N, C-alpha and C. Protein backbone atom coordinates (compact mmCIF):
# COMPACT_ATOMS: atom_id res chain seq x y z
N MET A 1 -75.39 -257.99 -47.54
CA MET A 1 -76.61 -258.40 -46.88
C MET A 1 -76.71 -257.76 -45.50
N LEU A 2 -75.59 -257.72 -44.75
CA LEU A 2 -75.59 -257.12 -43.42
C LEU A 2 -75.95 -255.63 -43.52
N ARG A 3 -75.37 -254.93 -44.49
CA ARG A 3 -75.66 -253.51 -44.66
C ARG A 3 -77.15 -253.30 -44.94
N LYS A 4 -77.73 -254.13 -45.76
CA LYS A 4 -79.14 -254.01 -46.08
C LYS A 4 -79.99 -254.22 -44.83
N LEU A 5 -79.62 -255.17 -43.98
CA LEU A 5 -80.36 -255.41 -42.75
C LEU A 5 -80.24 -254.22 -41.79
N LEU A 6 -79.05 -253.65 -41.69
CA LEU A 6 -78.86 -252.50 -40.80
C LEU A 6 -79.69 -251.32 -41.27
N ILE A 7 -79.70 -251.06 -42.56
CA ILE A 7 -80.49 -249.95 -43.10
C ILE A 7 -81.97 -250.22 -42.88
N SER A 8 -82.42 -251.44 -43.12
CA SER A 8 -83.83 -251.77 -42.90
C SER A 8 -84.20 -251.61 -41.44
N GLY A 9 -83.31 -252.03 -40.55
CA GLY A 9 -83.56 -251.88 -39.12
C GLY A 9 -83.65 -250.43 -38.71
N LEU A 10 -82.79 -249.59 -39.28
CA LEU A 10 -82.80 -248.17 -38.98
C LEU A 10 -84.10 -247.54 -39.46
N VAL A 11 -84.49 -247.83 -40.67
CA VAL A 11 -85.73 -247.28 -41.22
C VAL A 11 -86.93 -247.77 -40.40
N ALA A 12 -86.90 -249.03 -40.00
CA ALA A 12 -88.00 -249.57 -39.22
C ALA A 12 -88.11 -248.89 -37.86
N SER A 13 -87.00 -248.40 -37.32
CA SER A 13 -87.06 -247.77 -36.01
C SER A 13 -87.47 -246.30 -36.09
N LEU A 14 -87.39 -245.67 -37.23
CA LEU A 14 -87.71 -244.26 -37.35
C LEU A 14 -89.15 -243.92 -36.99
N PRO A 15 -90.16 -244.64 -37.49
CA PRO A 15 -91.52 -244.27 -37.14
C PRO A 15 -91.77 -244.28 -35.64
N PHE A 16 -91.17 -245.21 -34.92
CA PHE A 16 -91.34 -245.27 -33.47
C PHE A 16 -90.83 -243.99 -32.83
N SER A 17 -89.66 -243.52 -33.23
CA SER A 17 -89.09 -242.33 -32.60
C SER A 17 -89.83 -241.06 -33.02
N THR A 18 -90.37 -241.00 -34.20
CA THR A 18 -91.07 -239.79 -34.63
C THR A 18 -92.48 -239.73 -34.07
N LEU A 19 -93.01 -240.82 -33.52
CA LEU A 19 -94.34 -240.81 -32.95
C LEU A 19 -94.35 -240.29 -31.52
N SER A 20 -93.20 -240.15 -30.92
CA SER A 20 -93.11 -239.64 -29.56
C SER A 20 -93.68 -238.23 -29.51
N ALA A 21 -94.57 -237.98 -28.55
CA ALA A 21 -95.23 -236.69 -28.48
C ALA A 21 -94.33 -235.60 -27.92
N GLY A 22 -93.26 -235.93 -27.25
CA GLY A 22 -92.34 -234.92 -26.74
C GLY A 22 -92.89 -234.16 -25.57
N GLU A 23 -92.22 -233.07 -25.25
CA GLU A 23 -92.60 -232.26 -24.11
C GLU A 23 -93.71 -231.27 -24.47
N VAL A 24 -94.37 -230.80 -23.42
CA VAL A 24 -95.35 -229.74 -23.58
C VAL A 24 -94.60 -228.43 -23.76
N GLU A 25 -94.99 -227.64 -24.74
CA GLU A 25 -94.37 -226.35 -24.98
C GLU A 25 -95.35 -225.25 -24.57
N ILE A 26 -94.89 -224.34 -23.71
CA ILE A 26 -95.70 -223.19 -23.33
C ILE A 26 -95.39 -222.07 -24.32
N LEU A 27 -96.41 -221.63 -25.05
CA LEU A 27 -96.23 -220.61 -26.08
C LEU A 27 -96.47 -219.19 -25.56
N ASP A 28 -97.40 -219.04 -24.62
CA ASP A 28 -97.74 -217.71 -24.15
C ASP A 28 -98.43 -217.81 -22.79
N VAL A 29 -98.26 -216.76 -21.99
CA VAL A 29 -98.95 -216.66 -20.71
C VAL A 29 -99.42 -215.21 -20.55
N VAL A 30 -100.69 -215.05 -20.21
CA VAL A 30 -101.24 -213.73 -19.90
C VAL A 30 -101.66 -213.76 -18.44
N ALA A 31 -101.04 -212.88 -17.63
CA ALA A 31 -101.34 -212.79 -16.20
C ALA A 31 -102.04 -211.47 -15.93
N THR A 32 -103.17 -211.53 -15.24
CA THR A 32 -103.90 -210.32 -14.87
C THR A 32 -104.30 -210.41 -13.40
N GLN A 33 -104.36 -209.24 -12.76
CA GLN A 33 -104.73 -209.19 -11.35
C GLN A 33 -106.07 -208.50 -11.20
N SER A 34 -106.90 -209.05 -10.31
CA SER A 34 -108.20 -208.46 -10.05
C SER A 34 -108.61 -208.81 -8.62
N ASN A 35 -108.99 -207.78 -7.86
CA ASN A 35 -109.45 -207.98 -6.48
C ASN A 35 -108.47 -208.78 -5.63
N GLY A 36 -107.19 -208.56 -5.84
CA GLY A 36 -106.17 -209.16 -4.98
C GLY A 36 -105.70 -210.55 -5.38
N THR A 37 -106.32 -211.16 -6.39
CA THR A 37 -105.86 -212.47 -6.85
C THR A 37 -105.47 -212.38 -8.32
N TRP A 38 -104.79 -213.41 -8.78
CA TRP A 38 -104.27 -213.43 -10.15
C TRP A 38 -104.99 -214.47 -10.99
N HIS A 39 -105.06 -214.17 -12.28
CA HIS A 39 -105.66 -215.05 -13.29
C HIS A 39 -104.60 -215.29 -14.35
N PHE A 40 -104.37 -216.55 -14.69
CA PHE A 40 -103.37 -216.92 -15.70
C PHE A 40 -104.05 -217.65 -16.85
N ALA A 41 -103.83 -217.16 -18.07
CA ALA A 41 -104.28 -217.85 -19.29
C ALA A 41 -103.01 -218.36 -19.97
N VAL A 42 -102.90 -219.67 -20.08
CA VAL A 42 -101.67 -220.30 -20.57
C VAL A 42 -101.97 -221.03 -21.88
N THR A 43 -101.19 -220.70 -22.91
CA THR A 43 -101.31 -221.35 -24.21
C THR A 43 -100.21 -222.40 -24.32
N VAL A 44 -100.62 -223.65 -24.54
CA VAL A 44 -99.68 -224.75 -24.65
C VAL A 44 -99.82 -225.47 -25.98
N LYS A 45 -98.75 -226.14 -26.34
CA LYS A 45 -98.73 -226.95 -27.55
C LYS A 45 -98.09 -228.30 -27.20
N HIS A 46 -98.71 -229.36 -27.68
CA HIS A 46 -98.20 -230.71 -27.43
C HIS A 46 -98.76 -231.63 -28.49
N ALA A 47 -97.98 -232.54 -28.93
CA ALA A 47 -98.44 -233.49 -29.95
C ALA A 47 -99.25 -234.60 -29.30
N ASP A 48 -100.43 -234.22 -28.78
CA ASP A 48 -101.31 -235.21 -28.15
C ASP A 48 -101.64 -236.32 -29.13
N THR A 49 -101.60 -237.56 -28.65
CA THR A 49 -101.93 -238.70 -29.50
C THR A 49 -103.24 -239.36 -29.09
N GLY A 50 -103.84 -238.90 -28.02
CA GLY A 50 -105.05 -239.49 -27.47
C GLY A 50 -104.89 -239.69 -25.98
N TRP A 51 -105.74 -240.54 -25.41
CA TRP A 51 -105.73 -240.76 -23.96
C TRP A 51 -104.43 -241.36 -23.45
N ASP A 52 -103.66 -242.00 -24.32
CA ASP A 52 -102.41 -242.62 -23.88
C ASP A 52 -101.28 -241.61 -23.70
N HIS A 53 -101.35 -240.45 -24.36
CA HIS A 53 -100.29 -239.43 -24.23
C HIS A 53 -100.85 -238.07 -24.61
N TYR A 54 -101.00 -237.21 -23.59
CA TYR A 54 -101.50 -235.86 -23.84
C TYR A 54 -101.02 -234.91 -22.75
N ALA A 55 -101.07 -233.61 -23.03
CA ALA A 55 -100.76 -232.59 -22.03
C ALA A 55 -101.86 -232.64 -20.98
N ASP A 56 -101.48 -232.87 -19.71
CA ASP A 56 -102.51 -233.06 -18.69
C ASP A 56 -102.50 -232.03 -17.56
N GLY A 57 -101.65 -230.98 -17.68
CA GLY A 57 -101.71 -229.94 -16.66
C GLY A 57 -100.59 -228.93 -16.76
N TRP A 58 -100.77 -227.84 -16.03
CA TRP A 58 -99.71 -226.85 -15.86
C TRP A 58 -99.82 -226.24 -14.47
N GLU A 59 -98.72 -225.62 -14.04
CA GLU A 59 -98.62 -225.14 -12.66
C GLU A 59 -97.94 -223.78 -12.60
N VAL A 60 -98.37 -222.95 -11.66
CA VAL A 60 -97.75 -221.66 -11.38
C VAL A 60 -96.87 -221.85 -10.15
N LEU A 61 -95.60 -221.43 -10.27
CA LEU A 61 -94.63 -221.61 -9.18
C LEU A 61 -93.92 -220.30 -8.86
N THR A 62 -93.49 -220.15 -7.61
CA THR A 62 -92.56 -219.07 -7.28
C THR A 62 -91.21 -219.45 -7.87
N LEU A 63 -90.29 -218.50 -7.92
CA LEU A 63 -88.95 -218.79 -8.44
C LEU A 63 -88.22 -219.79 -7.54
N GLU A 64 -88.65 -219.90 -6.30
CA GLU A 64 -88.05 -220.87 -5.37
C GLU A 64 -88.67 -222.26 -5.49
N GLY A 65 -89.75 -222.39 -6.29
CA GLY A 65 -90.35 -223.69 -6.53
C GLY A 65 -91.62 -223.99 -5.75
N THR A 66 -92.14 -223.02 -5.00
CA THR A 66 -93.39 -223.22 -4.27
C THR A 66 -94.57 -223.15 -5.23
N SER A 67 -95.42 -224.16 -5.18
CA SER A 67 -96.60 -224.19 -6.05
C SER A 67 -97.65 -223.22 -5.56
N LEU A 68 -98.15 -222.39 -6.47
CA LEU A 68 -99.20 -221.42 -6.15
C LEU A 68 -100.55 -221.82 -6.73
N GLY A 69 -100.54 -222.70 -7.70
CA GLY A 69 -101.79 -223.15 -8.31
C GLY A 69 -101.52 -224.17 -9.41
N TYR A 70 -102.47 -225.09 -9.59
CA TYR A 70 -102.33 -226.14 -10.59
C TYR A 70 -103.61 -226.21 -11.42
N ARG A 71 -103.46 -226.28 -12.74
CA ARG A 71 -104.58 -226.42 -13.67
C ARG A 71 -104.53 -227.80 -14.30
N THR A 72 -105.54 -228.61 -14.03
CA THR A 72 -105.65 -229.92 -14.65
C THR A 72 -106.21 -229.77 -16.06
N LEU A 73 -105.62 -230.48 -16.99
CA LEU A 73 -106.15 -230.58 -18.36
C LEU A 73 -106.73 -231.98 -18.46
N ALA A 74 -108.04 -232.09 -18.44
CA ALA A 74 -108.73 -233.35 -18.18
C ALA A 74 -108.89 -234.27 -19.38
N HIS A 75 -108.47 -233.82 -20.57
CA HIS A 75 -108.64 -234.68 -21.75
C HIS A 75 -107.64 -234.28 -22.82
N PRO A 76 -107.40 -235.16 -23.79
CA PRO A 76 -106.50 -234.83 -24.90
C PRO A 76 -107.07 -233.73 -25.80
N HIS A 77 -106.17 -233.02 -26.44
CA HIS A 77 -106.54 -231.97 -27.40
C HIS A 77 -105.88 -232.29 -28.75
N VAL A 78 -106.18 -233.46 -29.26
CA VAL A 78 -105.54 -233.95 -30.49
C VAL A 78 -105.77 -233.00 -31.65
N ASN A 79 -106.99 -232.51 -31.80
CA ASN A 79 -107.34 -231.66 -32.94
C ASN A 79 -107.46 -230.19 -32.59
N GLU A 80 -106.95 -229.81 -31.44
CA GLU A 80 -107.00 -228.41 -31.01
C GLU A 80 -105.61 -228.01 -30.50
N GLN A 81 -104.74 -227.63 -31.40
CA GLN A 81 -103.36 -227.27 -31.06
C GLN A 81 -102.95 -225.99 -31.75
N PRO A 82 -102.33 -225.06 -31.09
CA PRO A 82 -102.20 -225.00 -29.64
C PRO A 82 -103.55 -224.64 -29.01
N PHE A 83 -103.62 -224.71 -27.69
CA PHE A 83 -104.85 -224.36 -26.99
C PHE A 83 -104.53 -223.58 -25.73
N THR A 84 -105.51 -222.80 -25.25
CA THR A 84 -105.33 -221.96 -24.08
C THR A 84 -106.34 -222.36 -23.02
N ARG A 85 -105.85 -222.50 -21.79
CA ARG A 85 -106.72 -222.77 -20.65
C ARG A 85 -106.30 -221.85 -19.52
N ALA A 86 -107.26 -221.48 -18.68
CA ALA A 86 -107.01 -220.48 -17.65
C ALA A 86 -107.25 -221.04 -16.25
N LEU A 87 -106.64 -220.34 -15.30
CA LEU A 87 -106.81 -220.63 -13.88
C LEU A 87 -106.81 -219.31 -13.15
N GLY A 88 -107.81 -219.08 -12.31
CA GLY A 88 -107.90 -217.84 -11.56
C GLY A 88 -107.88 -218.09 -10.07
N GLY A 89 -107.96 -216.98 -9.32
CA GLY A 89 -108.00 -217.08 -7.86
C GLY A 89 -106.67 -217.43 -7.23
N ILE A 90 -105.58 -217.14 -7.91
CA ILE A 90 -104.25 -217.49 -7.38
C ILE A 90 -103.73 -216.34 -6.53
N ASN A 91 -103.36 -216.65 -5.31
CA ASN A 91 -102.78 -215.67 -4.40
C ASN A 91 -101.27 -215.65 -4.58
N ILE A 92 -100.75 -214.47 -4.91
CA ILE A 92 -99.30 -214.30 -5.07
C ILE A 92 -98.82 -213.51 -3.85
N PRO A 93 -97.88 -214.07 -3.09
CA PRO A 93 -97.38 -213.37 -1.91
C PRO A 93 -96.78 -212.00 -2.24
N GLU A 94 -96.91 -211.08 -1.31
CA GLU A 94 -96.37 -209.72 -1.43
C GLU A 94 -94.88 -209.77 -1.78
N GLY A 95 -94.45 -208.92 -2.70
CA GLY A 95 -93.04 -208.82 -3.06
C GLY A 95 -92.60 -209.71 -4.20
N ILE A 96 -93.44 -210.65 -4.61
CA ILE A 96 -93.08 -211.52 -5.74
C ILE A 96 -93.39 -210.80 -7.05
N THR A 97 -92.39 -210.66 -7.90
CA THR A 97 -92.56 -209.94 -9.16
C THR A 97 -92.48 -210.85 -10.38
N ASP A 98 -92.02 -212.09 -10.18
CA ASP A 98 -91.91 -213.07 -11.27
C ASP A 98 -92.41 -214.42 -10.77
N VAL A 99 -93.05 -215.15 -11.66
CA VAL A 99 -93.42 -216.54 -11.38
C VAL A 99 -93.00 -217.39 -12.57
N MET A 100 -92.99 -218.68 -12.38
CA MET A 100 -92.68 -219.63 -13.45
C MET A 100 -93.92 -220.48 -13.72
N ILE A 101 -94.10 -220.82 -14.97
CA ILE A 101 -95.15 -221.76 -15.36
C ILE A 101 -94.45 -222.99 -15.91
N ARG A 102 -94.84 -224.15 -15.42
CA ARG A 102 -94.32 -225.40 -15.99
C ARG A 102 -95.51 -226.26 -16.36
N ALA A 103 -95.33 -227.06 -17.40
CA ALA A 103 -96.41 -227.91 -17.90
C ALA A 103 -95.98 -229.37 -17.83
N ARG A 104 -96.98 -230.23 -17.92
CA ARG A 104 -96.69 -231.66 -17.88
C ARG A 104 -97.57 -232.38 -18.89
N ASP A 105 -97.12 -233.60 -19.22
CA ASP A 105 -97.97 -234.50 -20.00
C ASP A 105 -98.08 -235.79 -19.20
N THR A 106 -98.70 -236.78 -19.77
CA THR A 106 -98.93 -238.03 -19.04
C THR A 106 -97.64 -238.76 -18.70
N ASP A 107 -96.49 -238.33 -19.26
CA ASP A 107 -95.19 -238.92 -18.92
C ASP A 107 -94.48 -238.17 -17.79
N GLY A 108 -94.96 -236.96 -17.44
CA GLY A 108 -94.34 -236.19 -16.37
C GLY A 108 -94.10 -234.74 -16.77
N TRP A 109 -93.35 -234.04 -15.91
CA TRP A 109 -93.10 -232.61 -16.10
C TRP A 109 -92.13 -232.34 -17.23
N SER A 110 -92.38 -231.26 -17.95
CA SER A 110 -91.46 -230.78 -18.98
C SER A 110 -90.20 -230.24 -18.29
N ASP A 111 -89.07 -230.30 -18.98
CA ASP A 111 -87.82 -229.77 -18.44
C ASP A 111 -87.74 -228.26 -18.51
N THR A 112 -88.55 -227.64 -19.36
CA THR A 112 -88.46 -226.19 -19.55
C THR A 112 -89.59 -225.49 -18.80
N MET A 113 -89.30 -224.27 -18.35
CA MET A 113 -90.29 -223.45 -17.66
C MET A 113 -90.41 -222.10 -18.37
N PHE A 114 -91.53 -221.45 -18.16
CA PHE A 114 -91.84 -220.16 -18.79
C PHE A 114 -91.86 -219.11 -17.69
N ASN A 115 -90.96 -218.12 -17.78
CA ASN A 115 -90.90 -217.06 -16.78
C ASN A 115 -91.93 -215.99 -17.12
N VAL A 116 -92.68 -215.57 -16.09
CA VAL A 116 -93.70 -214.54 -16.26
C VAL A 116 -93.36 -213.39 -15.32
N LYS A 117 -93.11 -212.21 -15.89
CA LYS A 117 -92.91 -211.00 -15.10
C LYS A 117 -94.30 -210.43 -14.86
N LEU A 118 -94.68 -210.32 -13.60
CA LEU A 118 -96.02 -209.85 -13.27
C LEU A 118 -96.14 -208.36 -13.53
N PRO A 119 -97.24 -207.94 -14.19
CA PRO A 119 -97.41 -206.52 -14.52
C PRO A 119 -97.64 -205.67 -13.28
């Protein structure tokens, strides 16, 4: 009887853990320069579940962690995965050849970053 209860408890807990949306994954970044500023098109993937849990932004950073620009994602993309959103007008200081892109969801920042070598 105890074994049956343990197995039932384990099975009952599985749906809860599989419903977690997890971290935002950055799939691709296209960086282009025009008239002295940069434009970033970032493709992200996240298991958005609705307004309670969705990818809500991404940021361009120097390798030292200075924020150069932030793109707000203002709504869930439950039925549009992956998706690409852009941010332009970013000033990159002279001499910087690489930047990092990090994304966040409504739970906070992802642990992984995407390195972009500027063309």
